[in-house]
C-alpha atoms as a PDB file:
ATOM      1  CA  MET A   1      24.274 137.408 -78.428  1.00  0.00           C
ATOM      2  CA  ALA A   2      27.350 134.770 -78.320  1.00  0.00           C
ATOM      3  CA  SER A   3      26.021 132.163 -77.312  1.00  0.00           C
ATOM      4  CA  ASP A   4      29.516 131.188 -75.473  1.00  0.00           C
ATOM      5  CA  LEU A   5      29.169 133.737 -73.361  1.00  0.00           C
ATOM      6  CA  SER A   6      27.722 132.744 -69.659  1.00  0.00           C
ATOM      7  CA  LEU A   7      24.319 133.873 -68.596  1.00  0.00           C
ATOM      8  CA  VAL A   8      24.500 136.867 -65.580  1.00  0.00           C
ATOM      9  CA  SER A   9      21.309 136.923 -63.549  1.00  0.00           C
ATOM     10  CA  VAL A  10      20.978 140.439 -62.410  1.00  0.00           C
ATOM     11  CA  LEU A  11      19.110 140.353 -59.041  1.00  0.00           C
ATOM     12  CA  MET A  12      16.977 143.361 -58.312  1.00  0.00           C
ATOM     13  CA  ASN A  13      14.595 143.750 -55.323  1.00  0.00           C
ATOM     14  CA  CYS A  14      12.145 146.949 -55.659  1.00  0.00           C
ATOM     15  CA  TYR A  15       9.705 148.415 -53.083  1.00  0.00           C
ATOM     16  CA  ASN A  16       8.286 151.823 -53.879  1.00  0.00           C
ATOM     17  CA  GLY A  17      11.502 152.615 -56.166  1.00  0.00           C
ATOM     18  CA  GLU A  18      10.165 154.775 -58.641  1.00  0.00           C
ATOM     19  CA  LYS A  19      12.374 157.601 -57.971  1.00  0.00           C
ATOM     20  CA  TYR A  20      15.473 156.190 -59.084  1.00  0.00           C
ATOM     21  CA  LEU A  21      14.599 152.993 -60.655  1.00  0.00           C
ATOM     22  CA  ARG A  22      15.242 154.110 -63.955  1.00  0.00           C
ATOM     23  CA  PRO A  23      19.209 154.638 -63.488  1.00  0.00           C
ATOM     24  CA  ALA A  24      19.448 151.803 -62.081  1.00  0.00           C
ATOM     25  CA  LEU A  25      17.559 149.866 -64.913  1.00  0.00           C
ATOM     26  CA  ASP A  26      19.016 152.142 -67.697  1.00  0.00           C
ATOM     27  CA  SER A  27      22.628 150.756 -66.289  1.00  0.00           C
ATOM     28  CA  VAL A  28      21.515 147.575 -66.723  1.00  0.00           C
ATOM     29  CA  LEU A  29      20.454 147.781 -70.221  1.00  0.00           C
ATOM     30  CA  ALA A  30      24.057 149.619 -71.130  1.00  0.00           C
ATOM     31  CA  GLN A  31      26.277 146.990 -70.249  1.00  0.00           C
ATOM     32  CA  LYS A  32      28.636 146.005 -72.617  1.00  0.00           C
ATOM     33  CA  TYR A  33      28.370 142.450 -71.647  1.00  0.00           C
ATOM     34  CA  GLN A  34      24.825 141.593 -72.775  1.00  0.00           C
ATOM     35  CA  ASN A  35      23.859 138.041 -71.943  1.00  0.00           C
ATOM     36  CA  TRP A  36      22.098 138.824 -68.981  1.00  0.00           C
ATOM     37  CA  GLU A  37      18.780 138.208 -67.044  1.00  0.00           C
ATOM     38  CA  LEU A  38      17.109 140.735 -65.031  1.00  0.00           C
ATOM     39  CA  ILE A  39      15.342 139.291 -62.327  1.00  0.00           C
ATOM     40  CA  PHE A  40      12.942 142.374 -60.693  1.00  0.00           C
ATOM     41  CA  TRP A  41      11.257 140.994 -57.736  1.00  0.00           C
ATOM     42  CA  ASP A  42       8.655 144.117 -57.112  1.00  0.00           C
ATOM     43  CA  ASN A  43       7.994 143.607 -53.456  1.00  0.00           C
ATOM     44  CA  ARG A  44       4.272 144.633 -53.944  1.00  0.00           C
ATOM     45  CA  SER A  45       5.035 148.131 -54.514  1.00  0.00           C
ATOM     46  CA  THR A  46       2.528 150.548 -54.505  1.00  0.00           C
ATOM     47  CA  ASP A  47       4.099 153.573 -56.737  1.00  0.00           C
ATOM     48  CA  GLY A  48       4.985 153.338 -60.430  1.00  0.00           C
ATOM     49  CA  SER A  49       7.848 151.068 -59.862  1.00  0.00           C
ATOM     50  CA  ALA A  50       5.771 148.053 -61.878  1.00  0.00           C
ATOM     51  CA  ALA A  51       5.250 150.583 -64.957  1.00  0.00           C
ATOM     52  CA  ILE A  52       8.539 152.077 -64.843  1.00  0.00           C
ATOM     53  CA  CYS A  53      10.077 148.137 -65.519  1.00  0.00           C
ATOM     54  CA  ASN A  54       7.501 146.949 -67.690  1.00  0.00           C
ATOM     55  CA  SER A  55       7.966 149.997 -69.825  1.00  0.00           C
ATOM     56  CA  TYR A  56      11.036 148.586 -71.452  1.00  0.00           C
ATOM     57  CA  GLY A  57       9.759 145.973 -73.502  1.00  0.00           C
ATOM     58  CA  ASP A  58      13.308 143.920 -73.120  1.00  0.00           C
ATOM     59  CA  SER A  59      12.279 140.006 -72.991  1.00  0.00           C
ATOM     60  CA  ARG A  60      15.400 139.893 -70.918  1.00  0.00           C
ATOM     61  CA  ILE A  61      13.495 141.716 -68.041  1.00  0.00           C
ATOM     62  CA  ARG A  62      11.746 138.799 -66.087  1.00  0.00           C
ATOM     63  CA  TYR A  63       8.966 140.825 -63.531  1.00  0.00           C
ATOM     64  CA  PHE A  64       7.651 139.203 -60.351  1.00  0.00           C
ATOM     65  CA  PHE A  65       5.186 140.793 -58.310  1.00  0.00           C
ATOM     66  CA  ALA A  66       5.470 139.110 -54.991  1.00  0.00           C
ATOM     67  CA  GLU A  67       2.391 137.250 -53.698  1.00  0.00           C
ATOM     68  CA  GLU A  68       2.552 139.244 -50.176  1.00  0.00           C
ATOM     69  CA  HIS A  69       4.782 142.154 -48.941  1.00  0.00           C
ATOM     70  CA  THR A  70       7.884 140.532 -47.298  1.00  0.00           C
ATOM     71  CA  GLU A  71      11.352 141.979 -45.025  1.00  0.00           C
ATOM     72  CA  LEU A  72      13.935 142.475 -47.573  1.00  0.00           C
ATOM     73  CA  GLY A  73      16.061 139.255 -46.602  1.00  0.00           C
ATOM     74  CA  ALA A  74      12.887 136.841 -47.342  1.00  0.00           C
ATOM     75  CA  ALA A  75      12.262 139.009 -50.618  1.00  0.00           C
ATOM     76  CA  ARG A  76      15.941 138.430 -51.306  1.00  0.00           C
ATOM     77  CA  ILE A  77      15.129 134.734 -51.026  1.00  0.00           C
ATOM     78  CA  LEU A  78      12.256 134.314 -53.279  1.00  0.00           C
ATOM     79  CA  ALA A  79      14.542 136.710 -55.933  1.00  0.00           C
ATOM     80  CA  PHE A  80      17.145 134.206 -55.705  1.00  0.00           C
ATOM     81  CA  GLN A  81      14.764 131.247 -56.537  1.00  0.00           C
ATOM     82  CA  LYS A  82      13.867 132.634 -59.776  1.00  0.00           C
ATOM     83  CA  ILE A  83      17.660 132.609 -60.978  1.00  0.00           C
ATOM     84  CA  ARG A  84      18.595 130.404 -64.056  1.00  0.00           C
ATOM     85  CA  GLY A  85      22.170 132.454 -64.777  1.00  0.00           C
ATOM     86  CA  ASP A  86      25.468 130.962 -63.919  1.00  0.00           C
ATOM     87  CA  PHE A  87      26.577 134.015 -62.348  1.00  0.00           C
ATOM     88  CA  VAL A  88      24.386 136.450 -59.931  1.00  0.00           C
ATOM     89  CA  ALA A  89      25.128 140.499 -60.033  1.00  0.00           C
ATOM     90  CA  ILE A  90      23.383 142.331 -57.621  1.00  0.00           C
ATOM     91  CA  LEU A  91      22.193 145.844 -58.111  1.00  0.00           C
ATOM     92  CA  ASP A  92      19.544 147.332 -56.094  1.00  0.00           C
ATOM     93  CA  ALA A  93      16.582 149.628 -57.182  1.00  0.00           C
ATOM     94  CA  ASP A  94      18.486 152.692 -56.803  1.00  0.00           C
ATOM     95  CA  ASP A  95      22.042 151.972 -57.145  1.00  0.00           C
ATOM     96  CA  VAL A  96      23.904 152.044 -60.656  1.00  0.00           C
ATOM     97  CA  SER A  97      26.577 149.883 -62.518  1.00  0.00           C
ATOM     98  CA  HIS A  98      29.496 151.253 -64.584  1.00  0.00           C
ATOM     99  CA  PRO A  99      28.869 149.780 -68.133  1.00  0.00           C
ATOM    100  CA  ASP A 100      32.023 147.590 -68.032  1.00  0.00           C
ATOM    101  CA  ARG A 101      30.831 145.762 -64.882  1.00  0.00           C
ATOM    102  CA  LEU A 102      29.473 142.683 -65.905  1.00  0.00           C
ATOM    103  CA  THR A 103      32.278 142.248 -68.167  1.00  0.00           C
ATOM    104  CA  ARG A 104      35.045 142.558 -65.923  1.00  0.00           C
ATOM    105  CA  GLN A 105      33.285 140.454 -62.958  1.00  0.00           C
ATOM    106  CA  VAL A 106      32.856 137.785 -65.244  1.00  0.00           C
ATOM    107  CA  ALA A 107      36.088 137.749 -66.732  1.00  0.00           C
ATOM    108  CA  PHE A 108      37.480 137.702 -63.344  1.00  0.00           C
ATOM    109  CA  LEU A 109      35.522 134.889 -62.180  1.00  0.00           C
ATOM    110  CA  LYS A 110      36.336 133.061 -65.717  1.00  0.00           C
ATOM    111  CA  GLN A 111      40.156 133.442 -64.617  1.00  0.00           C
ATOM    112  CA  ASN A 112      39.977 132.772 -61.241  1.00  0.00           C
ATOM    113  CA  PRO A 113      37.772 129.302 -60.381  1.00  0.00           C
ATOM    114  CA  GLU A 114      38.661 129.284 -57.008  1.00  0.00           C
ATOM    115  CA  VAL A 115      36.656 132.556 -56.122  1.00  0.00           C
ATOM    116  CA  ALA A 116      33.385 132.097 -55.174  1.00  0.00           C
ATOM    117  CA  LEU A 117      32.453 136.239 -55.412  1.00  0.00           C
ATOM    118  CA  VAL A 118      33.718 138.827 -56.746  1.00  0.00           C
ATOM    119  CA  ALA A 119      32.855 142.413 -55.587  1.00  0.00           C
ATOM    120  CA  SER A 120      34.644 146.087 -56.535  1.00  0.00           C
ATOM    121  CA  TRP A 121      35.484 149.274 -55.168  1.00  0.00           C
ATOM    122  CA  VAL A 122      31.977 151.909 -54.969  1.00  0.00           C
ATOM    123  CA  GLN A 123      31.513 155.182 -55.135  1.00  0.00           C
ATOM    124  CA  TYR A 124      28.334 156.604 -52.468  1.00  0.00           C
ATOM    125  CA  ILE A 125      26.262 159.328 -53.814  1.00  0.00           C
ATOM    126  CA  ASP A 126      23.380 161.102 -52.842  1.00  0.00           C
ATOM    127  CA  GLU A 127      19.416 161.795 -53.734  1.00  0.00           C
ATOM    128  CA  HIS A 128      21.170 164.073 -56.625  1.00  0.00           C
ATOM    129  CA  GLY A 129      23.817 161.356 -58.013  1.00  0.00           C
ATOM    130  CA  ILE A 130      26.611 163.272 -56.223  1.00  0.00           C
ATOM    131  CA  ALA A 131      29.671 161.242 -55.250  1.00  0.00           C
ATOM    132  CA  PHE A 132      30.717 162.240 -51.768  1.00  0.00           C
ATOM    133  CA  THR A 133      32.520 159.107 -50.485  1.00  0.00           C
ATOM    134  CA  GLN A 134      33.853 155.848 -51.654  1.00  0.00           C
ATOM    135  CA  LEU A 135      34.175 152.467 -50.124  1.00  0.00           C
ATOM    136  CA  LYS A 136      37.311 150.863 -51.492  1.00  0.00           C
ATOM    137  CA  PRO A 137      38.352 147.351 -49.505  1.00  0.00           C
ATOM    138  CA  SER A 138      41.806 145.865 -50.162  1.00  0.00           C
ATOM    139  CA  ALA A 139      42.099 143.824 -53.251  1.00  0.00           C
ATOM    140  CA  ASN A 140      44.275 141.143 -51.455  1.00  0.00           C
ATOM    141  CA  GLN A 141      42.176 138.324 -50.839  1.00  0.00           C
ATOM    142  CA  ASP A 142      43.584 137.459 -47.633  1.00  0.00           C
ATOM    143  CA  GLU A 143      43.219 140.484 -46.008  1.00  0.00           C
ATOM    144  CA  LEU A 144      39.560 140.922 -47.268  1.00  0.00           C
ATOM    145  CA  LYS A 145      38.703 137.901 -45.540  1.00  0.00           C
ATOM    146  CA  ASP A 146      40.441 138.804 -42.242  1.00  0.00           C
ATOM    147  CA  CYS A 147      38.295 142.066 -42.448  1.00  0.00           C
ATOM    148  CA  LEU A 148      35.268 139.693 -42.100  1.00  0.00           C
ATOM    149  CA  GLY A 149      35.929 139.479 -38.632  1.00  0.00           C
ATOM    150  CA  TRP A 150      34.839 143.237 -37.732  1.00  0.00           C
ATOM    151  CA  SER A 151      33.115 144.256 -40.622  1.00  0.00           C
ATOM    152  CA  ASN A 152      31.689 143.768 -43.752  1.00  0.00           C
ATOM    153  CA  PRO A 153      33.789 145.695 -46.414  1.00  0.00           C
ATOM    154  CA  ILE A 154      31.519 144.557 -49.348  1.00  0.00           C
ATOM    155  CA  ALA A 155      28.758 146.616 -50.758  1.00  0.00           C
ATOM    156  CA  HIS A 156      26.056 144.054 -52.249  1.00  0.00           C
ATOM    157  CA  SER A 157      25.073 145.889 -55.264  1.00  0.00           C
ATOM    158  CA  SER A 158      28.908 145.568 -56.246  1.00  0.00           C
ATOM    159  CA  THR A 159      29.099 141.746 -56.080  1.00  0.00           C
ATOM    160  CA  MET A 160      28.756 139.264 -58.669  1.00  0.00           C
ATOM    161  CA  TYR A 161      28.803 135.461 -57.102  1.00  0.00           C
ATOM    162  CA  ARG A 162      28.366 131.751 -58.403  1.00  0.00           C
ATOM    163  CA  HIS A 163      25.053 130.553 -58.472  1.00  0.00           C
ATOM    164  CA  ARG A 164      26.028 127.070 -57.956  1.00  0.00           C
ATOM    165  CA  LEU A 165      28.161 127.984 -54.993  1.00  0.00           C
ATOM    166  CA  ALA A 166      25.775 130.177 -53.399  1.00  0.00           C
ATOM    167  CA  ARG A 167      23.669 127.089 -53.567  1.00  0.00           C
ATOM    168  CA  GLU A 168      25.433 125.030 -51.782  1.00  0.00           C
ATOM    169  CA  VAL A 169      26.039 126.956 -48.738  1.00  0.00           C
ATOM    170  CA  GLY A 170      22.163 127.291 -48.178  1.00  0.00           C
ATOM    171  CA  GLY A 171      21.959 131.009 -50.142  1.00  0.00           C
ATOM    172  CA  TYR A 172      20.535 133.987 -48.083  1.00  0.00           C
ATOM    173  CA  ALA A 173      19.482 132.825 -44.603  1.00  0.00           C
ATOM    174  CA  PRO A 174      15.690 133.350 -43.727  1.00  0.00           C
ATOM    175  CA  ALA A 175      16.763 134.064 -40.398  1.00  0.00           C
ATOM    176  CA  LEU A 176      18.487 137.316 -41.244  1.00  0.00           C
ATOM    177  CA  ILE A 177      16.340 140.145 -41.940  1.00  0.00           C
ATOM    178  CA  TYR A 178      18.156 143.012 -43.213  1.00  0.00           C
ATOM    179  CA  ALA A 179      22.243 141.671 -42.714  1.00  0.00           C
ATOM    180  CA  SER A 180      21.199 138.432 -45.213  1.00  0.00           C
ATOM    181  CA  ASP A 181      23.697 139.910 -47.933  1.00  0.00           C
ATOM    182  CA  PHE A 182      26.793 139.925 -45.130  1.00  0.00           C
ATOM    183  CA  GLY A 183      25.609 136.354 -43.960  1.00  0.00           C
ATOM    184  CA  LEU A 184      25.913 134.937 -47.842  1.00  0.00           C
ATOM    185  CA  VAL A 185      29.609 136.666 -47.703  1.00  0.00           C
ATOM    186  CA  LEU A 186      30.407 134.997 -44.911  1.00  0.00           C
ATOM    187  CA  ALA A 187      28.948 131.541 -45.760  1.00  0.00           C
ATOM    188  CA  LEU A 188      31.286 131.827 -49.257  1.00  0.00           C
ATOM    189  CA  ALA A 189      34.035 133.029 -47.050  1.00  0.00           C
ATOM    190  CA  GLN A 190      34.003 130.265 -44.899  1.00  0.00           C
ATOM    191  CA  HIS A 191      34.471 127.394 -47.995  1.00  0.00           C
ATOM    192  CA  PHE A 192      35.797 129.644 -51.001  1.00  0.00           C
ATOM    193  CA  ARG A 193      37.618 132.512 -51.904  1.00  0.00           C
ATOM    194  CA  ILE A 194      36.467 136.039 -52.021  1.00  0.00           C
ATOM    195  CA  ALA A 195      37.856 138.906 -53.763  1.00  0.00           C
ATOM    196  CA  ILE A 196      37.914 142.465 -54.869  1.00  0.00           C
ATOM    197  CA  ILE A 197      38.612 144.465 -58.433  1.00  0.00           C
ATOM    198  CA  ASP A 198      39.960 147.494 -57.361  1.00  0.00           C
ATOM    199  CA  GLU A 199      37.753 149.405 -59.753  1.00  0.00           C
ATOM    200  CA  PHE A 200      34.821 151.725 -58.958  1.00  0.00           C
ATOM    201  CA  LEU A 201      32.254 149.376 -60.737  1.00  0.00           C
ATOM    202  CA  CYS A 202      29.263 150.681 -58.929  1.00  0.00           C
ATOM    203  CA  GLN A 203      27.369 153.559 -57.384  1.00  0.00           C
ATOM    204  CA  VAL A 204      25.706 152.756 -54.269  1.00  0.00           C
ATOM    205  CA  ARG A 205      22.579 155.705 -53.322  1.00  0.00           C
ATOM    206  CA  VAL A 206      22.678 156.895 -49.944  1.00  0.00           C
ATOM    207  CA  LEU A 207      19.059 158.402 -49.050  1.00  0.00           C
ATOM    208  CA  PRO A 208      17.924 160.348 -45.595  1.00  0.00           C
ATOM    209  CA  SER A 209      14.956 158.195 -45.795  1.00  0.00           C
ATOM    210  CA  SER A 210      17.237 154.795 -46.064  1.00  0.00           C
ATOM    211  CA  MET A 211      15.829 152.262 -43.483  1.00  0.00           C
ATOM    212  CA  SER A 212      19.055 151.875 -41.429  1.00  0.00           C
ATOM    213  CA  ARG A 213      17.818 155.505 -39.969  1.00  0.00           C
ATOM    214  CA  SER A 214      15.120 153.648 -38.509  1.00  0.00           C
ATOM    215  CA  LYS A 215      14.891 152.708 -34.683  1.00  0.00           C
ATOM    216  CA  GLN A 216      13.666 149.184 -35.626  1.00  0.00           C
ATOM    217  CA  TYR A 217      16.275 148.419 -37.924  1.00  0.00           C
ATOM    218  CA  GLN A 218      18.704 149.115 -36.182  1.00  0.00           C
ATOM    219  CA  ALA A 219      17.839 147.307 -33.216  1.00  0.00           C
ATOM    220  CA  VAL A 220      17.356 144.480 -35.518  1.00  0.00           C
ATOM    221  CA  ALA A 221      20.445 145.055 -37.553  1.00  0.00           C
ATOM    222  CA  ALA A 222      22.653 145.225 -34.311  1.00  0.00           C
ATOM    223  CA  ARG A 223      21.349 141.988 -33.165  1.00  0.00           C
ATOM    224  CA  GLU A 224      21.845 140.147 -36.720  1.00  0.00           C
ATOM    225  CA  VAL A 225      25.471 141.715 -36.820  1.00  0.00           C
ATOM    226  CA  LEU A 226      26.217 140.233 -33.382  1.00  0.00           C
ATOM    227  CA  THR A 227      25.068 136.860 -34.525  1.00  0.00           C
ATOM    228  CA  LEU A 228      27.228 137.123 -37.519  1.00  0.00           C
ATOM    229  CA  LEU A 229      30.129 138.069 -35.764  1.00  0.00           C
ATOM    230  CA  GLN A 230      30.049 135.208 -33.699  1.00  0.00           C
ATOM    231  CA  ARG A 231      29.847 133.129 -36.408  1.00  0.00           C
ATOM    232  CA  ALA A 232      32.925 134.595 -38.417  1.00  0.00           C
ATOM    233  CA  ALA A 233      34.668 134.324 -34.777  1.00  0.00           C
ATOM    234  CA  ASP A 234      33.943 130.682 -35.055  1.00  0.00           C
ATOM    235  CA  SER A 235      34.597 129.935 -38.653  1.00  0.00           C
ATOM    236  CA  LEU A 236      37.202 131.593 -40.151  1.00  0.00           C
ATOM    237  CA  PRO A 237      41.190 131.922 -39.795  1.00  0.00           C
ATOM    238  CA  LEU A 238      41.226 135.273 -38.454  1.00  0.00           C
ATOM    239  CA  SER A 239      44.310 137.145 -37.751  1.00  0.00           C
ATOM    240  CA  THR A 240      45.222 137.951 -34.206  1.00  0.00           C
ATOM    241  CA  LYS A 241      44.574 141.594 -34.976  1.00  0.00           C
ATOM    242  CA  SER A 242      41.224 140.614 -36.823  1.00  0.00           C
ATOM    243  CA  ARG A 243      40.204 138.850 -33.345  1.00  0.00           C
ATOM    244  CA  ARG A 244      40.948 141.776 -31.153  1.00  0.00           C
ATOM    245  CA  LEU A 245      38.553 143.796 -33.858  1.00  0.00           C
ATOM    246  CA  ASN A 246      36.213 140.950 -33.459  1.00  0.00           C
ATOM    247  CA  ARG A 247      35.668 141.185 -29.757  1.00  0.00           C
ATOM    248  CA  ARG A 248      35.666 145.239 -29.838  1.00  0.00           C
ATOM    249  CA  ALA A 249      32.650 144.860 -32.640  1.00  0.00           C
ATOM    250  CA  GLN A 250      30.986 142.305 -30.849  1.00  0.00           C
ATOM    251  CA  ALA A 251      31.117 144.333 -27.493  1.00  0.00           C
ATOM    252  CA  ILE A 252      29.756 147.385 -29.310  1.00  0.00           C
ATOM    253  CA  ALA A 253      26.830 145.448 -30.873  1.00  0.00           C
ATOM    254  CA  ARG A 254      25.785 144.332 -27.645  1.00  0.00           C
ATOM    255  CA  ILE A 255      26.055 147.760 -26.097  1.00  0.00           C
ATOM    256  CA  LYS A 256      23.805 148.904 -29.034  1.00  0.00           C
ATOM    257  CA  LEU A 257      21.353 146.138 -28.116  1.00  0.00           C
ATOM    258  CA  GLY A 258      21.165 147.072 -24.485  1.00  0.00           C
ATOM    259  CA  ILE A 259      20.456 150.880 -25.540  1.00  0.00           C
ATOM    260  CA  PHE A 260      17.523 149.491 -27.536  1.00  0.00           C
ATOM    261  CA  ARG A 261      16.480 147.476 -24.553  1.00  0.00           C
ATOM    262  CA  LEU A 262      16.652 150.384 -22.341  1.00  0.00           C
ATOM    263  CA  SER A 263      14.788 152.646 -24.413  1.00  0.00           C
ATOM    264  CA  ASP A 264      12.355 149.699 -24.968  1.00  0.00           C
ATOM    265  CA  GLY A 265      11.739 149.884 -21.462  1.00  0.00           C
ATOM    266  CA  SER A 266      13.888 146.121 -20.491  1.00  0.00           C
ATOM    267  CA  VAL A 267      16.134 147.868 -18.282  1.00  0.00           C
ATOM    268  CA  LEU A 268      17.650 144.902 -16.092  1.00  0.00           C
ATOM    269  CA  PRO A 269      17.926 143.157 -19.527  1.00  0.00           C
ATOM    270  CA  GLY A 270      19.403 146.213 -21.562  1.00  0.00           C
ATOM    271  CA  LEU A 271      21.969 147.227 -18.282  1.00  0.00           C
ATOM    272  CA  LYS A 272      23.037 143.243 -17.868  1.00  0.00           C
ATOM    273  CA  MET A 273      23.998 143.469 -22.075  1.00  0.00           C
ATOM    274  CA  ILE A 274      25.789 146.384 -21.491  1.00  0.00           C
ATOM    275  CA  LEU A 275      27.444 145.945 -18.596  1.00  0.00           C
ATOM    276  CA  HIS A 276      28.852 142.510 -19.914  1.00  0.00           C
ATOM    277  CA  ALA A 277      29.995 144.322 -22.855  1.00  0.00           C
ATOM    278  CA  LEU A 278      31.898 146.820 -21.297  1.00  0.00           C
ATOM    279  CA  LEU A 279      33.635 144.218 -18.742  1.00  0.00           C
ATOM    280  CA  THR A 280      34.958 142.337 -21.548  1.00  0.00           C
ATOM    281  CA  GLU A 281      35.934 144.622 -23.958  1.00  0.00           C
ATOM    282  CA  PRO A 282      36.127 148.319 -22.113  1.00  0.00           C
ATOM    283  CA  SER A 283      37.453 150.026 -25.041  1.00  0.00           C
ATOM    284  CA  ALA A 284      33.901 149.387 -26.877  1.00  0.00           C
ATOM    285  CA  LEU A 285      32.426 152.492 -24.805  1.00  0.00           C
ATOM    286  CA  TRP A 286      35.337 154.983 -26.662  1.00  0.00           C
ATOM    287  CA  ARG A 287      35.437 153.429 -30.029  1.00  0.00           C
ATOM    288  CA  ASN A 288      31.841 153.689 -31.135  1.00  0.00           C
ATOM    289  CA  GLY A 289      29.929 157.923 -31.458  1.00  0.00           C
ATOM    290  CA  ARG A 290      26.422 156.407 -30.403  1.00  0.00           C
ATOM    291  CA  VAL A 291      27.754 154.456 -27.597  1.00  0.00           C
ATOM    292  CA  ARG A 292      29.644 157.934 -26.483  1.00  0.00           C
ATOM    293  CA  ARG A 293      26.812 159.907 -27.110  1.00  0.00           C
ATOM    294  CA  PHE A 294      24.659 157.647 -24.713  1.00  0.00           C
ATOM    295  CA  PHE A 295      27.135 157.503 -21.836  1.00  0.00           C
ATOM    296  CA  GLY A 296      27.408 161.763 -21.995  1.00  0.00           C
ATOM    297  CA  LYS A 297      30.925 161.770 -23.797  1.00  0.00           C
ATOM    298  CA  PRO A 298      31.742 164.087 -26.497  1.00  0.00           C
ATOM    299  CA  SER A 299      32.072 162.350 -30.187  1.00  0.00           C
END
């Protein structure tokens, strides 16, 4: 291990991830860039995740068992506190990194000192590891930042960021349960440049049982996304197009929240939220499949 190589802290949060954990860990061990530590934060798993992680016997793998089970946002904060590296690479416990990933991202950050965070294109894979779609954000840094006004074009498992700068902007926000990754991207983009390497350096696994399909998650996520969209509008130099898309995205998030409130019995607050969104941005009704379905419109 060359002493002149910067230490990369690979952050892996895990909760009952035994089914896909070995491919994730193997992809870290297979990195051509070898000066890394793996912060493995076990959020009190009850399956074989701990045994799998500890079976590798590699001193670079630092295993931590949480004192109590927390939501993902809090777990990311706790894991973040254990980082010792100059750069932080994220890899969730069911995702896979390309062997060149750390090499390419470290080189990019060293060659571009003005960039705080670099991500990559990703392939989305199913439970069998078969790729079924792709995420290819623009590699143009100005276009990438402009996209943050209305969406998060960055898969967190593909990111590497500078530890020092992430600490300067506060790291992962405690107020965000599920969208803390988007929150960190926005915080860094507000003060620094962010970038994309236009190569497929990561595979992100999408599972039918993922938390994004639960009603509770969708309600909390919609509320957090609305907060972050408002923050993006206030803090980023967005183009006219991005500001228009930002207003539409905010309206869609408000309609989603209103629908959830209706389903929970909060009829008046839910209706007020939906009507406010439709009056300020009527196109939101026709631009979102869930909203159209709720109002009986074909998708």
